[in-house]
Protein backbone atom coordinates (compact mmCIF):
# COMPACT_ATOMS: atom_id res chain seq x y z
CA MET A 1 104.42 100.65 78.47
CA ASN A 2 107.18 98.51 79.96
CA LYS A 3 106.15 94.87 80.00
CA ASN A 4 107.51 94.52 83.58
CA ILE A 5 104.82 96.85 84.92
CA PRO A 6 101.42 95.34 85.77
CA ASN A 7 98.37 96.57 83.89
CA ILE A 8 96.88 99.76 85.35
CA SER A 9 93.83 97.77 86.47
CA ALA A 10 96.09 95.93 88.98
CA PHE A 11 96.78 99.16 90.90
CA TYR A 12 93.83 98.78 93.29
CA HIS A 13 95.58 97.99 96.60
CA SER A 14 95.68 100.87 99.08
CA ILE A 15 99.04 101.09 100.89
CA ASN A 16 100.81 103.48 103.23
CA ILE A 17 104.52 104.10 103.22
CA GLU A 18 105.64 105.11 106.70
CA SER A 19 108.74 106.95 107.82
CA PRO A 20 110.39 106.45 111.24
CA THR A 21 110.90 109.21 113.78
CA LEU A 22 112.95 108.95 116.97
CA THR A 23 111.47 110.69 120.01
CA LYS A 24 113.43 111.18 123.22
CA GLN A 25 111.44 110.28 126.34
CA LEU A 26 111.81 111.97 129.73
CA ASN A 27 114.12 109.17 130.90
CA GLY A 28 116.42 109.88 127.94
CA GLU A 29 115.45 106.74 126.02
CA ASP A 30 114.85 107.03 122.27
CA VAL A 31 111.54 105.58 121.06
CA LYS A 32 110.81 104.93 117.38
CA SER A 33 107.40 105.97 116.09
CA TRP A 34 106.04 105.82 112.55
CA GLY A 35 104.24 108.47 110.51
CA VAL A 36 102.61 108.24 107.09
CA PHE A 37 104.93 109.54 104.37
CA LEU A 38 102.68 108.55 101.46
CA SER A 39 99.27 106.95 100.90
CA THR A 40 98.91 105.53 97.41
CA MET A 41 97.50 102.77 95.25
CA ALA A 42 99.73 99.85 94.29
CA ALA A 43 99.89 96.62 92.35
CA ILE A 44 101.28 93.73 94.40
CA GLN A 45 103.34 90.73 93.36
CA VAL A 46 104.41 87.91 95.68
CA ASN A 47 108.08 87.48 94.87
CA LYS A 48 108.70 84.25 96.76
CA VAL A 49 107.35 82.35 99.72
CA ASN A 50 109.64 80.06 101.66
CA GLU A 51 108.84 78.30 104.89
CA LYS A 52 111.52 76.95 107.16
CA ALA A 53 111.54 75.22 110.51
CA GLU A 54 113.88 76.28 113.30
CA ASN A 55 113.70 75.24 116.94
CA ASN A 56 110.36 73.51 116.43
CA MET A 57 108.82 76.70 115.00
CA LEU A 58 107.75 77.38 111.42
CA TYR A 59 109.02 80.64 109.89
CA SER A 60 107.93 82.25 106.65
CA ASP A 61 110.30 84.22 104.42
CA ASP A 62 107.73 86.10 102.34
CA THR A 63 108.87 88.87 100.01
CA PHE A 64 106.57 91.17 98.07
CA ASN A 65 106.95 93.74 95.31
CA PHE A 66 104.75 96.83 95.53
CA TYR A 67 104.46 98.69 92.22
CA ILE A 68 103.64 102.39 92.59
CA ARG A 69 103.81 105.60 90.58
CA THR A 70 107.22 107.20 91.18
CA LYS A 71 107.54 109.27 94.33
CA THR A 72 110.84 110.84 95.37
CA GLY A 73 112.06 110.51 98.94
CA ILE A 74 111.26 106.85 99.59
CA ASN A 75 114.18 105.00 101.20
CA ARG A 76 115.08 101.71 102.87
CA LYS A 77 114.56 103.10 106.38
CA MET A 78 110.83 103.27 105.63
CA ARG A 79 108.22 100.52 105.66
CA VAL A 80 105.04 99.62 103.77
CA VAL A 81 101.75 98.98 105.55
CA TYR A 82 99.19 96.87 103.70
CA ASN A 83 96.15 95.10 105.20
CA SER A 84 97.45 95.75 108.74
CA ASP A 85 100.74 93.96 107.91
CA TYR A 86 104.15 95.62 107.96
CA TYR A 87 106.78 95.17 105.27
CA ASN A 88 110.39 96.33 105.61
CA ILE A 89 111.74 97.93 102.44
CA VAL A 90 114.79 96.04 101.15
CA GLY A 91 115.15 97.72 97.76
CA ILE A 92 113.69 100.33 95.43
CA ILE A 93 113.88 100.09 91.64
CA THR A 94 112.80 102.95 89.37
CA ILE A 95 111.44 101.91 85.98
CA GLY A 96 111.41 104.75 83.49
CA ARG A 97 110.09 108.00 84.93
CA ARG A 98 106.68 106.79 86.02
CA TYR A 99 106.97 103.68 88.16
CA GLN A 100 108.88 102.23 91.09
CA ILE A 101 109.07 98.73 92.45
CA ILE A 102 109.38 98.67 96.21
CA LYS A 103 110.88 95.32 97.21
CA THR A 104 109.86 94.30 100.73
CA LYS A 105 110.01 91.55 103.31
CA LEU A 106 107.05 90.76 105.56
CA VAL A 107 107.71 91.58 109.22
CA GLU A 108 106.75 88.67 111.47
């Protein structure tokens, strides 16, 4: 197995990958809603954690890698939901034929 992939025992985190849908309301306004595209188990790696202060507020720039078994159709318009937190997908890397790394940024 590729040494970049976590051990199979690390794939114990339950995640959802959600896909956006635009729905037109009666007033003509488009509203984005999210539906589950995939529920799967993942290994998680914190890529980096940076905190910065702007306008007397502390911001976090957390990025996470979610390792999953390969699933076609995942794209950067989707998001990952894990432990009631939302993560925007910023990149997808396929490793071999079996695994993908979904690079994400925590939504504040």
